[in-house]
Amino acid sequence: MAANTSKTARASVKAGQAKNGAGLNVLGEFKYLIPLNNGKHVYLRNLTDGRTLHLATGTDAFAEAIKALAEAGHGAKIKVELETLASTLPAEQGWDTTLKSLEEAGAFGELADAAA
């Protein structure tokens, strides 16, 4: 680890690495999806390359980005986030439809096959 990182940052990373769990966990739970424009767009945080993408939820690019994250092992957490958005936000935002279209497109890979 770099010598110029703070003692708190090093302790946080070390504690996260010591936890017995899958995926990256830095200073708490990581949110992959930030809903925008009443569910029409989303910021998608990509842990694999560190980028945050601004995507329309009904596009192939969104489905491909979710698929790439699912293949990297983040699919279950993203699916839970989508289910949470569908249950907590107003129905007119269409998160249930977004989740269903991603499942039909096979964006979650084996997760969708196991549920069927």
N, C-alpha and C. Protein backbone atom coordinates (compact mmCIF):
# COMPACT_ATOMS: atom_id res chain seq x y z
N MET A 1 0.84 -1.17 0.00
CA MET A 1 0.00 0.00 0.00
C MET A 1 0.88 1.24 0.00
N ALA A 2 0.46 2.31 -0.63
CA ALA A 2 1.26 3.52 -0.74
C ALA A 2 1.49 4.16 0.62
N ALA A 3 2.67 4.73 0.81
CA ALA A 3 3.03 5.31 2.09
C ALA A 3 2.30 6.62 2.36
N ASN A 4 1.79 7.27 1.32
CA ASN A 4 1.16 8.56 1.51
C ASN A 4 -0.34 8.47 1.82
N THR A 5 -0.87 7.28 2.03
CA THR A 5 -2.27 7.14 2.42
C THR A 5 -2.39 7.34 3.93
N SER A 6 -3.53 7.84 4.36
CA SER A 6 -3.72 8.11 5.78
C SER A 6 -3.85 6.82 6.57
N LYS A 7 -3.60 6.94 7.87
CA LYS A 7 -3.71 5.79 8.75
C LYS A 7 -5.15 5.28 8.77
N THR A 8 -6.13 6.20 8.72
CA THR A 8 -7.54 5.81 8.73
C THR A 8 -7.91 5.05 7.46
N ALA A 9 -7.42 5.54 6.32
CA ALA A 9 -7.71 4.87 5.05
C ALA A 9 -7.10 3.47 5.03
N ARG A 10 -5.87 3.34 5.49
CA ARG A 10 -5.23 2.03 5.52
C ARG A 10 -5.98 1.08 6.44
N ALA A 11 -6.43 1.58 7.60
CA ALA A 11 -7.18 0.74 8.54
C ALA A 11 -8.51 0.32 7.95
N SER A 12 -9.14 1.22 7.21
CA SER A 12 -10.44 0.90 6.59
C SER A 12 -10.28 -0.20 5.54
N VAL A 13 -9.28 -0.08 4.70
CA VAL A 13 -9.04 -1.08 3.67
C VAL A 13 -8.66 -2.41 4.31
N LYS A 14 -7.82 -2.37 5.32
CA LYS A 14 -7.41 -3.59 5.99
C LYS A 14 -8.61 -4.29 6.65
N ALA A 15 -9.50 -3.51 7.28
CA ALA A 15 -10.69 -4.08 7.90
C ALA A 15 -11.62 -4.68 6.84
N GLY A 16 -11.73 -4.02 5.70
CA GLY A 16 -12.56 -4.53 4.62
C GLY A 16 -12.01 -5.82 4.04
N GLN A 17 -10.70 -5.92 3.95
CA GLN A 17 -10.08 -7.13 3.42
C GLN A 17 -10.21 -8.29 4.41
N ALA A 18 -10.26 -7.98 5.69
CA ALA A 18 -10.33 -9.03 6.70
C ALA A 18 -11.72 -9.62 6.84
N LYS A 19 -12.74 -8.90 6.38
CA LYS A 19 -14.11 -9.41 6.48
C LYS A 19 -14.28 -10.64 5.63
N ASN A 20 -15.13 -11.52 6.10
CA ASN A 20 -15.39 -12.76 5.37
C ASN A 20 -16.62 -12.55 4.50
N GLY A 21 -16.44 -12.01 3.29
CA GLY A 21 -17.56 -11.76 2.41
C GLY A 21 -17.08 -11.55 0.99
N ALA A 22 -18.02 -11.59 0.07
CA ALA A 22 -17.67 -11.44 -1.34
C ALA A 22 -17.75 -9.98 -1.75
N GLY A 23 -17.00 -9.61 -2.75
CA GLY A 23 -17.07 -8.27 -3.31
C GLY A 23 -16.27 -7.27 -2.49
N LEU A 24 -16.22 -6.07 -2.98
CA LEU A 24 -15.49 -4.98 -2.35
C LEU A 24 -16.42 -4.21 -1.44
N ASN A 25 -15.98 -3.93 -0.24
CA ASN A 25 -16.78 -3.18 0.71
C ASN A 25 -15.88 -2.12 1.33
N VAL A 26 -16.06 -0.87 0.95
CA VAL A 26 -15.21 0.20 1.44
C VAL A 26 -16.07 1.18 2.23
N LEU A 27 -15.78 1.32 3.50
CA LEU A 27 -16.49 2.24 4.39
C LEU A 27 -17.99 2.08 4.28
N GLY A 28 -18.47 0.87 4.35
CA GLY A 28 -19.90 0.63 4.32
C GLY A 28 -20.36 0.01 3.02
N GLU A 29 -21.66 -0.03 2.85
CA GLU A 29 -22.26 -0.66 1.68
C GLU A 29 -22.12 0.24 0.45
N PHE A 30 -21.78 -0.35 -0.67
CA PHE A 30 -21.56 0.38 -1.91
C PHE A 30 -22.82 0.32 -2.76
N LYS A 31 -23.30 1.46 -3.20
CA LYS A 31 -24.47 1.52 -4.07
C LYS A 31 -24.00 1.57 -5.51
N TYR A 32 -24.54 0.68 -6.33
CA TYR A 32 -24.18 0.65 -7.74
C TYR A 32 -25.04 1.59 -8.56
N LEU A 33 -26.31 1.77 -8.17
CA LEU A 33 -27.28 2.52 -8.97
C LEU A 33 -27.72 3.79 -8.26
N ILE A 34 -27.68 4.90 -8.99
CA ILE A 34 -28.22 6.16 -8.50
C ILE A 34 -29.29 6.58 -9.49
N PRO A 35 -30.58 6.48 -9.10
CA PRO A 35 -31.65 6.79 -10.04
C PRO A 35 -31.73 8.28 -10.36
N LEU A 36 -32.04 8.57 -11.61
CA LEU A 36 -32.16 9.94 -12.09
C LEU A 36 -33.42 10.08 -12.95
N ASN A 37 -33.95 11.29 -13.04
CA ASN A 37 -34.99 11.62 -14.00
C ASN A 37 -36.18 10.65 -13.92
N ASN A 38 -36.66 10.42 -12.70
CA ASN A 38 -37.81 9.54 -12.48
C ASN A 38 -37.64 8.15 -13.09
N GLY A 39 -36.45 7.60 -12.97
CA GLY A 39 -36.20 6.24 -13.42
C GLY A 39 -35.84 6.09 -14.88
N LYS A 40 -35.78 7.18 -15.61
CA LYS A 40 -35.44 7.09 -17.04
C LYS A 40 -33.94 6.94 -17.26
N HIS A 41 -33.15 7.47 -16.33
CA HIS A 41 -31.70 7.40 -16.42
C HIS A 41 -31.15 6.95 -15.08
N VAL A 42 -29.88 6.57 -15.10
CA VAL A 42 -29.24 6.11 -13.87
C VAL A 42 -27.74 6.38 -13.97
N TYR A 43 -27.13 6.68 -12.82
CA TYR A 43 -25.68 6.63 -12.73
C TYR A 43 -25.36 5.21 -12.29
N LEU A 44 -24.52 4.54 -13.02
CA LEU A 44 -24.12 3.18 -12.70
C LEU A 44 -22.64 3.20 -12.32
N ARG A 45 -22.38 2.88 -11.07
CA ARG A 45 -20.99 2.85 -10.59
C ARG A 45 -20.39 1.50 -10.93
N ASN A 46 -19.27 1.55 -11.59
CA ASN A 46 -18.59 0.34 -12.05
C ASN A 46 -17.34 0.13 -11.21
N LEU A 47 -17.36 -0.88 -10.35
CA LEU A 47 -16.20 -1.16 -9.50
C LEU A 47 -15.04 -1.76 -10.26
N THR A 48 -15.30 -2.37 -11.39
CA THR A 48 -14.22 -3.05 -12.11
C THR A 48 -13.26 -2.07 -12.77
N ASP A 49 -13.76 -0.89 -13.18
CA ASP A 49 -12.86 0.07 -13.81
C ASP A 49 -12.87 1.45 -13.14
N GLY A 50 -13.69 1.62 -12.10
CA GLY A 50 -13.70 2.86 -11.35
C GLY A 50 -14.52 3.98 -11.98
N ARG A 51 -15.23 3.70 -13.04
CA ARG A 51 -16.01 4.73 -13.73
C ARG A 51 -17.45 4.75 -13.24
N THR A 52 -18.08 5.92 -13.39
CA THR A 52 -19.51 6.06 -13.15
C THR A 52 -20.14 6.45 -14.48
N LEU A 53 -21.01 5.59 -14.96
CA LEU A 53 -21.63 5.80 -16.26
C LEU A 53 -23.01 6.43 -16.10
N HIS A 54 -23.37 7.33 -17.00
CA HIS A 54 -24.71 7.92 -17.04
C HIS A 54 -25.43 7.25 -18.21
N LEU A 55 -26.46 6.43 -17.90
CA LEU A 55 -27.12 5.64 -18.92
C LEU A 55 -28.63 5.75 -18.83
N ALA A 56 -29.29 5.62 -19.97
CA ALA A 56 -30.75 5.50 -20.00
C ALA A 56 -31.09 4.07 -19.65
N THR A 57 -32.09 3.87 -18.80
CA THR A 57 -32.39 2.53 -18.29
C THR A 57 -32.97 1.59 -19.33
N GLY A 58 -33.50 2.09 -20.41
CA GLY A 58 -34.11 1.22 -21.41
C GLY A 58 -33.21 0.89 -22.59
N THR A 59 -31.93 1.16 -22.49
CA THR A 59 -31.04 0.97 -23.62
C THR A 59 -30.23 -0.32 -23.53
N ASP A 60 -29.71 -0.75 -24.67
CA ASP A 60 -28.83 -1.91 -24.71
C ASP A 60 -27.54 -1.64 -23.95
N ALA A 61 -27.07 -0.39 -23.97
CA ALA A 61 -25.83 -0.05 -23.26
C ALA A 61 -25.98 -0.29 -21.75
N PHE A 62 -27.16 0.02 -21.21
CA PHE A 62 -27.42 -0.22 -19.79
C PHE A 62 -27.41 -1.71 -19.50
N ALA A 63 -28.08 -2.48 -20.34
CA ALA A 63 -28.12 -3.93 -20.14
C ALA A 63 -26.72 -4.53 -20.24
N GLU A 64 -25.93 -4.07 -21.19
CA GLU A 64 -24.56 -4.59 -21.36
C GLU A 64 -23.68 -4.22 -20.16
N ALA A 65 -23.85 -3.01 -19.63
CA ALA A 65 -23.06 -2.60 -18.46
C ALA A 65 -23.43 -3.44 -17.24
N ILE A 66 -24.72 -3.71 -17.06
CA ILE A 66 -25.17 -4.57 -15.95
C ILE A 66 -24.63 -5.99 -16.15
N LYS A 67 -24.66 -6.46 -17.39
CA LYS A 67 -24.17 -7.81 -17.69
C LYS A 67 -22.68 -7.92 -17.37
N ALA A 68 -21.91 -6.90 -17.72
CA ALA A 68 -20.47 -6.91 -17.44
C ALA A 68 -20.20 -6.95 -15.94
N LEU A 69 -20.97 -6.18 -15.18
CA LEU A 69 -20.80 -6.20 -13.73
C LEU A 69 -21.24 -7.53 -13.13
N ALA A 70 -22.30 -8.11 -13.68
CA ALA A 70 -22.77 -9.41 -13.20
C ALA A 70 -21.72 -10.49 -13.46
N GLU A 71 -21.08 -10.42 -14.61
CA GLU A 71 -20.02 -11.39 -14.93
C GLU A 71 -18.82 -11.22 -14.01
N ALA A 72 -18.63 -10.01 -13.48
CA ALA A 72 -17.53 -9.75 -12.56
C ALA A 72 -17.90 -10.11 -11.12
N GLY A 73 -19.12 -10.63 -10.92
CA GLY A 73 -19.51 -11.10 -9.60
C GLY A 73 -20.38 -10.14 -8.81
N HIS A 74 -20.88 -9.08 -9.43
CA HIS A 74 -21.68 -8.09 -8.72
C HIS A 74 -23.16 -8.19 -9.02
N GLY A 75 -23.57 -9.18 -9.78
CA GLY A 75 -24.96 -9.30 -10.23
C GLY A 75 -25.97 -9.40 -9.12
N ALA A 76 -25.68 -10.19 -8.10
CA ALA A 76 -26.65 -10.39 -7.01
C ALA A 76 -26.93 -9.09 -6.27
N LYS A 77 -25.89 -8.31 -6.00
CA LYS A 77 -26.08 -7.05 -5.30
C LYS A 77 -26.85 -6.05 -6.16
N ILE A 78 -26.56 -6.02 -7.45
CA ILE A 78 -27.27 -5.10 -8.35
C ILE A 78 -28.74 -5.49 -8.44
N LYS A 79 -29.01 -6.78 -8.51
CA LYS A 79 -30.39 -7.24 -8.58
C LYS A 79 -31.15 -6.87 -7.31
N VAL A 80 -30.52 -6.99 -6.15
CA VAL A 80 -31.14 -6.60 -4.89
C VAL A 80 -31.42 -5.09 -4.89
N GLU A 81 -30.48 -4.30 -5.40
CA GLU A 81 -30.69 -2.86 -5.48
C GLU A 81 -31.88 -2.52 -6.38
N LEU A 82 -31.98 -3.20 -7.52
CA LEU A 82 -33.10 -2.96 -8.42
C LEU A 82 -34.43 -3.35 -7.77
N GLU A 83 -34.44 -4.46 -7.06
CA GLU A 83 -35.65 -4.88 -6.35
C GLU A 83 -36.03 -3.88 -5.27
N THR A 84 -35.03 -3.31 -4.58
CA THR A 84 -35.28 -2.31 -3.56
C THR A 84 -35.85 -1.03 -4.19
N LEU A 85 -35.28 -0.61 -5.32
CA LEU A 85 -35.80 0.57 -6.01
C LEU A 85 -37.24 0.34 -6.44
N ALA A 86 -37.54 -0.86 -6.94
CA ALA A 86 -38.89 -1.18 -7.40
C ALA A 86 -39.88 -1.16 -6.25
N SER A 87 -39.45 -1.55 -5.06
CA SER A 87 -40.38 -1.61 -3.93
C SER A 87 -40.51 -0.29 -3.17
N THR A 88 -39.50 0.56 -3.23
CA THR A 88 -39.53 1.78 -2.43
C THR A 88 -39.91 3.03 -3.22
N LEU A 89 -39.62 3.06 -4.50
CA LEU A 89 -39.93 4.25 -5.31
C LEU A 89 -41.29 4.09 -5.98
N PRO A 90 -41.91 5.21 -6.37
CA PRO A 90 -43.22 5.12 -7.01
C PRO A 90 -43.23 4.23 -8.25
N ALA A 91 -44.35 3.54 -8.45
CA ALA A 91 -44.48 2.58 -9.55
C ALA A 91 -44.28 3.23 -10.92
N GLU A 92 -44.66 4.51 -11.04
CA GLU A 92 -44.53 5.16 -12.36
C GLU A 92 -43.08 5.34 -12.80
N GLN A 93 -42.12 5.13 -11.89
CA GLN A 93 -40.72 5.19 -12.29
C GLN A 93 -40.29 3.93 -13.05
N GLY A 94 -41.03 2.84 -12.90
CA GLY A 94 -40.83 1.66 -13.73
C GLY A 94 -39.62 0.81 -13.39
N TRP A 95 -39.19 0.77 -12.15
CA TRP A 95 -38.04 -0.06 -11.80
C TRP A 95 -38.36 -1.54 -11.90
N ASP A 96 -39.61 -1.92 -11.65
CA ASP A 96 -40.00 -3.32 -11.82
C ASP A 96 -39.90 -3.73 -13.29
N THR A 97 -40.28 -2.85 -14.18
CA THR A 97 -40.17 -3.11 -15.62
C THR A 97 -38.70 -3.18 -16.04
N THR A 98 -37.89 -2.29 -15.48
CA THR A 98 -36.46 -2.29 -15.78
C THR A 98 -35.83 -3.61 -15.35
N LEU A 99 -36.16 -4.07 -14.14
CA LEU A 99 -35.63 -5.34 -13.64
C LEU A 99 -36.07 -6.50 -14.52
N LYS A 100 -37.33 -6.51 -14.89
CA LYS A 100 -37.85 -7.59 -15.73
C LYS A 100 -37.17 -7.61 -17.10
N SER A 101 -36.97 -6.44 -17.70
CA SER A 101 -36.32 -6.39 -19.01
C SER A 101 -34.86 -6.83 -18.93
N LEU A 102 -34.18 -6.51 -17.83
CA LEU A 102 -32.80 -6.97 -17.66
C LEU A 102 -32.74 -8.48 -17.49
N GLU A 103 -33.69 -9.04 -16.74
CA GLU A 103 -33.74 -10.50 -16.57
C GLU A 103 -34.01 -11.18 -17.91
N GLU A 104 -34.93 -10.63 -18.70
CA GLU A 104 -35.25 -11.21 -20.00
C GLU A 104 -34.07 -11.11 -20.97
N ALA A 105 -33.28 -10.04 -20.83
CA ALA A 105 -32.11 -9.87 -21.69
C ALA A 105 -30.93 -10.74 -21.23
N GLY A 106 -31.08 -11.41 -20.10
CA GLY A 106 -30.01 -12.27 -19.60
C GLY A 106 -28.86 -11.50 -18.99
N ALA A 107 -29.13 -10.29 -18.49
CA ALA A 107 -28.07 -9.45 -17.95
C ALA A 107 -27.47 -10.01 -16.66
N PHE A 108 -28.25 -10.82 -15.94
CA PHE A 108 -27.76 -11.40 -14.70
C PHE A 108 -27.18 -12.79 -14.90
N GLY A 109 -27.13 -13.25 -16.11
CA GLY A 109 -26.51 -14.53 -16.45
C GLY A 109 -27.11 -15.68 -15.71
N GLU A 110 -26.30 -16.36 -14.89
CA GLU A 110 -26.71 -17.56 -14.17
C GLU A 110 -27.78 -17.27 -13.13
N LEU A 111 -27.83 -16.04 -12.61
CA LEU A 111 -28.86 -15.71 -11.62
C LEU A 111 -30.24 -15.85 -12.22
N ALA A 112 -30.41 -15.38 -13.45
CA ALA A 112 -31.71 -15.47 -14.10
C ALA A 112 -32.06 -16.93 -14.41
N ASP A 113 -31.06 -17.72 -14.79
CA ASP A 113 -31.30 -19.12 -15.10
C ASP A 113 -31.67 -19.91 -13.84
N ALA A 114 -31.04 -19.59 -12.71
CA ALA A 114 -31.31 -20.30 -11.47
C ALA A 114 -32.71 -19.99 -10.95
N ALA A 115 -33.20 -18.79 -11.18
CA ALA A 115 -34.53 -18.40 -10.71
C ALA A 115 -35.63 -19.05 -11.55
N ALA A 116 -35.32 -19.39 -12.77
CA ALA A 116 -36.35 -19.95 -13.67
C ALA A 116 -36.63 -21.42 -13.39
